[in-house]
Amino acid sequence: MVDAATGAEATAVTRESVKRWRGLLESERDAAELYSRLADAETGERREIFGELAETERGHAAHWAAKLQAAGAEVPAPGSPSLRTRLLGVAAGRFSTQTVLPLIERAERADAGVYDADPDALPGMAADERGHARTLARLTAGSAGDDGVGSDPIAQIARRERWHRGDRSGALRAAVFGVSDGLVSNTALVMGFAGSGVAHAATLLAGVAGLLAGSFSMAAGEYISMSSQREMFQREISLEQAELEEKPAEEHAELVLLYRAKGLPRPDAERLADRIMADRTVALDTMAREELGLDPGQLGSPWAAAASSLLAFAAGAFVVVLPYLIGGGTAALATAVVLALAAMFGVGATIGALNGRSAVRMGLRQMAVGALAAAVTFGVGALIGAHVS
């Protein structure tokens, strides 16, 4: 016989299960939408792979919808994609899927075991999730559909490891941090001048000067940094090319050892090394990836990083300058503060969404840090202005 307490506990568990199923349904729908958007930004084999991932996620969503229906619970209608999915989709279309794959892969790896101990999941769902993480790892490393070599088994094995992941051009990274830097630094600068009590024209001049100086400084720094990095990578690849020309037997032996270390039997490793070394272009590409962790085709663009950094910093810095271009006095100061805080929250929320973290929390943190910097410079400006006057 089940007493009242036990019955109440069972009801609570049932409600909790329904709530969890709805959360999983929403998550799977969002994942399907994300992969669909990535597929739209791709062509060829990579487009097909993303499409297949989307179909798998739709199948998972259908399972949770069926569970809800069987329990007599309401199945929520598909809603709008999450902010993260929209941002990643836009970034994939604007830059490339390769720029956002590292973020998506990290999230998939973190959630790979979500169904491992779930009694309500279908038997194959846990394997699907782990397979998604592995597929994204290969796509991030360029193992499918790169330059037409993705269908070559040798190329697939040569590219299967997790090399340096991320936006090789540096453009996306420079853009995100450029906006943040421009917004915070120029807001602090303008607030310092506003706090000192100087004339409207002086505050406006300081804001414009900070925008220009910061933009070109960021662009120059990114250009020099990316140029130095690219030159270093090119030198490493050229040294590897020289070794292939001068010591092919030693490079062949290195490949055999490398693939044996990956678990291939010696005969298979030797056959694979023979086939790779038969084509020096493939051999150089393989050795660059295997030994150096470099993708010879994606060493970074100094000009792309510099331009992205310049424009991003200017966009962030312009937010606090705009009110002083239109008006002056207390109204301009108040408007500048409101716009700056809103923009800081937006930048932080965007970074949080892209990283799979709480957009609200990251937005508030960014706003708090920026507000603290602006308040300090405003106070310093007020003290200096009082003494000067």
Protein backbone atom coordinates (compact mmCIF):
# COMPACT_ATOMS: atom_id res chain seq x y z
CA MET A 1 0.00 0.00 0.00
CA VAL A 2 1.30 3.48 -0.91
CA ASP A 3 0.78 6.13 1.71
CA ALA A 4 0.00 9.79 1.00
CA ALA A 5 3.62 10.90 1.42
CA THR A 6 4.85 8.38 -1.13
CA GLY A 7 2.14 9.40 -3.57
CA ALA A 8 3.06 13.07 -3.21
CA GLU A 9 6.72 12.22 -3.84
CA ALA A 10 5.81 10.30 -7.02
CA THR A 11 3.77 13.27 -8.25
CA ALA A 12 6.70 15.60 -7.60
CA VAL A 13 9.06 13.28 -9.51
CA THR A 14 6.64 13.14 -12.43
CA ARG A 15 6.39 16.90 -12.61
CA GLU A 16 10.17 17.18 -12.42
CA SER A 17 10.52 14.67 -15.26
CA VAL A 18 8.09 16.63 -17.43
CA LYS A 19 10.02 19.81 -16.73
CA ARG A 20 13.29 18.08 -17.63
CA TRP A 21 11.87 16.63 -20.83
CA ARG A 22 10.68 20.06 -21.92
CA GLY A 23 14.14 21.48 -21.25
CA LEU A 24 15.77 18.71 -23.30
CA LEU A 25 13.23 19.22 -26.09
CA GLU A 26 14.05 22.91 -26.24
CA SER A 27 17.78 22.18 -26.16
CA GLU A 28 17.58 19.64 -29.00
CA ARG A 29 15.44 21.95 -31.12
CA ASP A 30 17.93 24.75 -30.61
CA ALA A 31 20.83 22.47 -31.53
CA ALA A 32 19.02 21.37 -34.70
CA GLU A 33 18.48 25.01 -35.67
CA LEU A 34 22.14 25.81 -35.03
CA TYR A 35 23.37 22.99 -37.25
CA SER A 36 20.87 23.99 -39.93
CA ARG A 37 22.30 27.52 -39.93
CA LEU A 38 25.83 26.15 -40.14
CA ALA A 39 24.75 23.99 -43.07
CA ASP A 40 23.35 27.08 -44.82
CA ALA A 41 26.77 28.75 -44.45
CA GLU A 42 28.62 25.78 -46.00
CA THR A 43 28.81 23.89 -49.28
CA GLY A 44 29.67 20.39 -50.40
CA GLU A 45 30.46 17.66 -47.91
CA ARG A 46 30.57 19.96 -44.90
CA ARG A 47 27.04 21.16 -45.70
CA GLU A 48 25.84 17.56 -45.79
CA ILE A 49 27.54 16.77 -42.47
CA PHE A 50 25.92 19.72 -40.70
CA GLY A 51 22.60 18.75 -42.24
CA GLU A 52 22.95 15.22 -40.89
CA LEU A 53 23.78 16.56 -37.43
CA ALA A 54 20.66 18.73 -37.58
CA GLU A 55 18.52 15.71 -38.54
CA THR A 56 19.92 13.72 -35.61
CA GLU A 57 19.05 16.53 -33.20
CA ARG A 58 15.53 16.72 -34.66
CA GLY A 59 15.19 13.01 -34.00
CA HIS A 60 16.21 13.54 -30.38
CA ALA A 61 13.70 16.38 -30.09
CA ALA A 62 10.96 14.15 -31.52
CA HIS A 63 11.72 11.57 -28.83
CA TRP A 64 11.24 14.07 -26.00
CA ALA A 65 8.09 15.41 -27.64
CA ALA A 66 6.73 11.85 -27.77
CA LYS A 67 7.58 11.34 -24.09
CA LEU A 68 5.63 14.47 -23.20
CA GLN A 69 2.64 13.37 -25.28
CA ALA A 70 2.65 9.91 -23.71
CA ALA A 71 2.63 11.52 -20.25
CA GLY A 72 -0.35 13.69 -21.21
CA ALA A 73 1.73 16.84 -20.88
CA GLU A 74 1.59 19.79 -23.22
CA VAL A 75 4.25 19.83 -25.92
CA PRO A 76 5.47 23.41 -26.36
CA ALA A 77 5.46 24.78 -29.88
CA PRO A 78 8.88 25.52 -31.40
CA GLY A 79 10.02 28.95 -30.30
CA SER A 80 12.65 31.38 -31.53
CA PRO A 81 16.26 30.18 -31.53
CA SER A 82 18.37 31.13 -28.54
CA LEU A 83 20.54 34.25 -28.63
CA ARG A 84 23.61 32.02 -28.79
CA THR A 85 22.32 30.18 -31.86
CA ARG A 86 21.45 33.43 -33.62
CA LEU A 87 24.86 34.95 -32.87
CA LEU A 88 26.77 31.86 -33.93
CA GLY A 89 24.70 31.62 -37.11
CA VAL A 90 25.42 35.24 -37.99
CA ALA A 91 29.13 34.82 -37.26
CA ALA A 92 29.28 31.67 -39.39
CA GLY A 93 27.65 33.47 -42.30
CA ARG A 94 29.70 36.65 -41.89
CA PHE A 95 33.09 35.04 -41.30
CA SER A 96 33.03 31.25 -41.69
CA THR A 97 31.86 28.19 -39.82
CA GLN A 98 35.49 27.59 -38.85
CA THR A 99 35.44 30.70 -36.65
CA VAL A 100 32.60 29.41 -34.48
CA LEU A 101 33.27 25.66 -34.50
CA PRO A 102 35.69 25.75 -31.53
CA LEU A 103 32.95 27.34 -29.39
CA ILE A 104 30.38 24.78 -30.51
CA GLU A 105 32.78 21.88 -30.09
CA ARG A 106 33.58 22.87 -26.50
CA ALA A 107 29.87 22.99 -25.71
CA GLU A 108 29.29 19.60 -27.35
CA ARG A 109 32.16 18.05 -25.40
CA ALA A 110 30.78 19.47 -22.17
CA ASP A 111 27.33 17.97 -22.96
CA ALA A 112 28.57 14.73 -24.52
CA GLY A 113 27.56 12.67 -21.49
CA VAL A 114 24.15 14.25 -20.98
CA TYR A 115 22.31 11.01 -21.86
CA ASP A 116 24.80 8.50 -20.44
CA ALA A 117 22.78 7.88 -17.27
CA ASP A 118 19.39 9.09 -18.46
CA PRO A 119 16.85 6.26 -18.15
CA ASP A 120 14.41 8.10 -20.42
CA ALA A 121 16.80 8.46 -23.36
CA LEU A 122 16.87 6.01 -26.25
CA PRO A 123 19.87 3.63 -26.29
CA GLY A 124 21.59 5.34 -29.21
CA MET A 125 21.19 8.93 -28.03
CA ALA A 126 24.26 8.90 -25.76
CA ALA A 127 26.40 7.56 -28.60
CA ASP A 128 24.98 10.21 -30.93
CA GLU A 129 26.03 13.02 -28.59
CA ARG A 130 29.55 11.68 -28.19
CA GLY A 131 29.75 11.19 -31.95
CA HIS A 132 28.76 14.82 -32.50
CA ALA A 133 31.68 15.97 -30.38
CA ARG A 134 34.10 13.82 -32.37
CA THR A 135 32.64 14.97 -35.69
CA LEU A 136 32.99 18.62 -34.69
CA ALA A 137 36.58 17.98 -33.61
CA ARG A 138 37.40 16.68 -37.08
CA LEU A 139 35.54 19.53 -38.77
CA THR A 140 37.34 22.07 -36.60
CA ALA A 141 40.66 20.54 -37.58
CA GLY A 142 39.60 20.66 -41.24
CA SER A 143 39.17 16.94 -41.75
CA ALA A 144 36.10 17.03 -43.97
CA GLY A 145 35.67 18.96 -47.16
CA ASP A 146 38.86 20.99 -47.02
CA ASP A 147 40.09 21.75 -50.49
CA GLY A 148 38.60 18.58 -51.83
CA VAL A 149 40.78 16.25 -49.79
CA GLY A 150 38.25 15.43 -47.09
CA SER A 151 37.17 12.24 -48.88
CA ASP A 152 40.75 10.88 -48.95
CA PRO A 153 41.21 8.41 -46.08
CA ILE A 154 44.87 9.41 -45.73
CA ALA A 155 43.93 13.06 -45.44
CA GLN A 156 41.26 12.21 -42.90
CA ILE A 157 43.71 10.33 -40.71
CA ALA A 158 46.36 13.01 -41.10
CA ARG A 159 43.89 15.66 -39.96
CA ARG A 160 42.06 13.84 -37.20
CA GLU A 161 43.94 15.33 -34.25
CA ARG A 162 42.85 18.44 -32.37
CA TRP A 163 45.30 21.06 -33.58
CA HIS A 164 45.23 24.74 -32.75
CA ARG A 165 41.54 25.50 -32.73
CA GLY A 166 40.04 28.87 -33.44
CA ASP A 167 39.88 31.72 -35.84
CA ARG A 168 43.25 31.61 -37.60
CA SER A 169 42.66 34.97 -39.24
CA GLY A 170 42.27 36.61 -35.85
CA ALA A 171 39.48 38.76 -37.26
CA LEU A 172 36.66 37.55 -35.03
CA ARG A 173 38.81 37.61 -31.90
CA ALA A 174 40.11 41.09 -32.74
CA ALA A 175 36.57 42.33 -33.42
CA VAL A 176 35.14 41.14 -30.10
CA PHE A 177 37.95 42.49 -27.97
CA GLY A 178 38.27 45.62 -30.09
CA VAL A 179 34.68 46.64 -29.39
CA SER A 180 35.12 45.97 -25.69
CA ASP A 181 38.41 47.88 -25.47
CA GLY A 182 37.13 50.84 -27.45
CA LEU A 183 33.97 51.09 -25.40
CA VAL A 184 35.59 50.86 -21.97
CA SER A 185 38.71 52.92 -22.65
CA ASN A 186 37.00 55.77 -24.46
CA THR A 187 34.15 55.88 -21.97
CA ALA A 188 36.69 56.21 -19.16
CA LEU A 189 38.55 58.91 -21.10
CA VAL A 190 35.44 60.97 -21.85
CA MET A 191 34.16 60.60 -18.29
CA GLY A 192 37.49 61.86 -16.99
CA PHE A 193 37.25 65.02 -19.09
CA ALA A 194 33.56 65.46 -18.28
CA GLY A 195 34.31 65.16 -14.57
CA SER A 196 36.97 67.86 -14.76
CA GLY A 197 34.37 70.40 -15.85
CA VAL A 198 36.11 71.43 -19.07
CA ALA A 199 34.17 72.88 -21.97
CA HIS A 200 31.97 70.71 -24.19
CA ALA A 201 34.37 71.13 -27.12
CA ALA A 202 37.30 69.85 -25.06
CA THR A 203 35.39 66.73 -24.00
CA LEU A 204 34.33 66.07 -27.60
CA LEU A 205 37.90 66.56 -28.83
CA ALA A 206 39.19 64.14 -26.21
CA GLY A 207 36.62 61.52 -27.25
CA VAL A 208 37.45 61.83 -30.94
CA ALA A 209 41.19 61.79 -30.24
CA GLY A 210 40.79 58.71 -28.05
CA LEU A 211 38.77 57.00 -30.79
CA LEU A 212 41.35 57.69 -33.50
CA ALA A 213 44.42 57.02 -31.39
CA GLY A 214 43.04 53.82 -29.95
CA SER A 215 41.76 52.52 -33.29
CA PHE A 216 45.06 52.96 -35.10
CA SER A 217 47.03 51.72 -32.12
CA MET A 218 44.94 48.55 -31.95
CA ALA A 219 45.20 48.03 -35.71
CA ALA A 220 48.98 48.50 -35.69
CA GLY A 221 49.36 46.15 -32.75
CA GLU A 222 47.22 43.45 -34.36
CA TYR A 223 49.06 43.79 -37.68
CA ILE A 224 52.48 43.47 -36.09
CA SER A 225 51.36 40.62 -33.85
CA MET A 226 49.73 38.63 -36.64
CA SER A 227 52.61 39.33 -39.05
CA SER A 228 55.15 38.08 -36.53
CA GLN A 229 53.09 35.00 -35.80
CA ARG A 230 52.62 34.26 -39.50
CA GLU A 231 56.33 34.69 -40.23
CA MET A 232 57.20 32.36 -37.36
CA PHE A 233 54.77 29.72 -38.63
CA GLN A 234 56.06 30.06 -42.19
CA ARG A 235 59.63 29.61 -40.99
CA GLU A 236 58.69 26.45 -39.10
CA ILE A 237 56.96 25.06 -42.19
CA SER A 238 59.92 25.96 -44.43
CA LEU A 239 62.27 24.13 -42.04
CA GLU A 240 59.99 21.12 -42.15
CA GLN A 241 60.00 21.28 -45.96
CA ALA A 242 63.80 21.35 -45.97
CA GLU A 243 63.89 18.28 -43.73
CA LEU A 244 61.56 16.46 -46.09
CA GLU A 245 63.88 17.24 -49.00
CA GLU A 246 67.14 16.46 -47.19
CA LYS A 247 66.13 13.64 -44.84
CA PRO A 248 63.10 11.84 -46.30
CA ALA A 249 63.99 8.55 -44.59
CA GLU A 250 64.03 10.19 -41.16
CA GLU A 251 60.71 11.95 -41.83
CA HIS A 252 59.24 8.63 -42.97
CA ALA A 253 60.40 7.00 -39.75
CA GLU A 254 58.85 9.85 -37.74
CA LEU A 255 55.50 9.31 -39.44
CA VAL A 256 55.63 5.58 -38.74
CA LEU A 257 56.36 6.21 -35.06
CA LEU A 258 53.66 8.85 -34.89
CA TYR A 259 50.94 6.60 -36.28
CA ARG A 260 52.09 3.65 -34.20
CA ALA A 261 51.72 5.90 -31.18
CA LYS A 262 48.15 6.57 -32.30
CA GLY A 263 47.43 2.85 -32.15
CA LEU A 264 48.05 1.63 -35.71
CA PRO A 265 49.92 -1.67 -36.11
CA ARG A 266 53.43 -1.26 -37.51
CA PRO A 267 52.62 -2.65 -40.99
CA ASP A 268 49.61 -0.30 -41.35
CA ALA A 269 51.63 2.65 -40.08
CA GLU A 270 54.39 1.93 -42.59
CA ARG A 271 51.94 1.61 -45.49
CA LEU A 272 50.28 4.87 -44.49
CA ALA A 273 53.63 6.64 -44.22
CA ASP A 274 54.64 5.28 -47.65
CA ARG A 275 51.52 6.70 -49.27
CA ILE A 276 51.91 10.08 -47.56
CA MET A 277 55.59 10.39 -48.48
CA ALA A 278 54.80 9.55 -52.11
CA ASP A 279 53.33 13.04 -52.48
CA ARG A 280 55.59 15.74 -51.04
CA THR A 281 52.74 18.27 -50.86
CA VAL A 282 50.64 15.90 -48.78
CA ALA A 283 53.72 14.97 -46.75
CA LEU A 284 54.48 18.61 -45.90
CA ASP A 285 50.86 19.29 -45.01
CA THR A 286 50.76 16.19 -42.81
CA MET A 287 54.05 16.90 -41.04
CA ALA A 288 53.04 20.52 -40.43
CA ARG A 289 49.85 19.35 -38.76
CA GLU A 290 51.25 16.34 -36.95
CA GLU A 291 54.55 17.80 -35.72
CA LEU A 292 53.89 21.53 -35.59
CA GLY A 293 50.15 21.67 -34.99
CA LEU A 294 49.76 24.09 -37.90
CA ASP A 295 47.37 24.32 -40.82
CA PRO A 296 49.49 25.66 -43.72
CA GLY A 297 46.40 27.10 -45.37
CA GLN A 298 45.26 29.07 -42.32
CA LEU A 299 48.22 30.94 -40.86
CA GLY A 300 46.30 34.14 -40.22
CA SER A 301 45.81 37.39 -42.13
CA PRO A 302 47.51 40.45 -40.59
CA TRP A 303 45.43 42.82 -42.72
CA ALA A 304 42.14 41.16 -41.77
CA ALA A 305 43.02 41.27 -38.08
CA ALA A 306 44.17 44.91 -38.29
CA ALA A 307 41.09 46.11 -40.19
CA SER A 308 38.73 44.21 -37.93
CA SER A 309 40.43 45.57 -34.82
CA LEU A 310 40.41 49.16 -36.11
CA LEU A 311 36.73 49.13 -37.06
CA ALA A 312 35.68 47.31 -33.90
CA PHE A 313 37.54 49.67 -31.56
CA ALA A 314 36.15 52.68 -33.42
CA ALA A 315 32.61 51.31 -33.15
CA GLY A 316 32.96 50.81 -29.41
CA ALA A 317 34.63 54.16 -28.84
CA PHE A 318 32.04 56.03 -30.91
CA VAL A 319 29.20 55.13 -28.54
CA VAL A 320 30.26 57.63 -25.89
CA VAL A 321 31.26 60.29 -28.44
CA LEU A 322 27.89 60.37 -30.20
CA PRO A 323 25.97 62.34 -27.51
CA TYR A 324 28.62 65.09 -27.56
CA LEU A 325 28.32 65.39 -31.34
CA ILE A 326 24.61 66.10 -30.95
CA GLY A 327 24.42 68.15 -27.77
CA GLY A 328 26.27 69.18 -24.64
CA GLY A 329 26.06 69.77 -20.92
CA THR A 330 24.37 67.44 -18.47
CA ALA A 331 22.10 65.96 -21.14
CA ALA A 332 25.06 64.81 -23.23
CA LEU A 333 26.80 63.38 -20.16
CA ALA A 334 23.71 61.48 -19.01
CA THR A 335 23.04 60.14 -22.50
CA ALA A 336 26.66 59.06 -22.85
CA VAL A 337 26.50 57.18 -19.56
CA VAL A 338 23.26 55.39 -20.48
CA LEU A 339 24.49 54.45 -23.97
CA ALA A 340 27.85 53.25 -22.64
CA LEU A 341 26.28 51.07 -19.96
CA ALA A 342 23.81 49.58 -22.44
CA ALA A 343 26.59 48.88 -24.94
CA MET A 344 28.78 47.32 -22.25
CA PHE A 345 25.97 45.02 -21.24
CA GLY A 346 25.40 44.10 -24.89
CA VAL A 347 29.08 43.30 -25.49
CA GLY A 348 29.30 41.20 -22.36
CA ALA A 349 26.07 39.37 -23.15
CA THR A 350 27.33 38.64 -26.68
CA ILE A 351 30.61 37.21 -25.40
CA GLY A 352 28.73 35.13 -22.84
CA ALA A 353 26.30 33.79 -25.43
CA LEU A 354 29.11 32.83 -27.82
CA ASN A 355 30.93 31.02 -25.01
CA GLY A 356 27.80 29.18 -23.93
CA ARG A 357 27.62 31.03 -20.61
CA SER A 358 24.91 33.15 -19.06
CA ALA A 359 24.38 36.19 -21.28
CA VAL A 360 22.83 38.20 -18.45
CA ARG A 361 25.60 37.40 -16.00
CA MET A 362 28.38 38.19 -18.47
CA GLY A 363 26.60 41.37 -19.54
CA LEU A 364 26.27 42.57 -15.96
CA ARG A 365 29.90 41.76 -15.25
CA GLN A 366 31.09 43.70 -18.29
CA MET A 367 28.86 46.62 -17.35
CA ALA A 368 30.13 46.63 -13.75
CA VAL A 369 33.79 46.61 -14.80
CA GLY A 370 33.26 49.37 -17.35
CA ALA A 371 31.20 51.47 -14.94
CA LEU A 372 33.91 51.16 -12.28
CA ALA A 373 36.60 52.34 -14.71
CA ALA A 374 34.44 55.27 -15.83
CA ALA A 375 33.58 56.24 -12.24
CA VAL A 376 37.23 56.25 -11.19
CA THR A 377 38.31 58.45 -14.09
CA PHE A 378 35.33 60.76 -13.56
CA GLY A 379 36.34 61.16 -9.91
CA VAL A 380 39.98 61.77 -10.78
CA GLY A 381 38.92 64.29 -13.40
CA ALA A 382 36.73 66.09 -10.90
CA LEU A 383 39.59 66.32 -8.38
CA ILE A 384 42.05 67.58 -10.97
CA GLY A 385 39.51 70.02 -12.35
CA ALA A 386 38.83 71.40 -8.89
CA HIS A 387 42.52 71.97 -8.17
CA VAL A 388 43.23 73.48 -11.59
CA SER A 389 40.29 75.86 -11.36
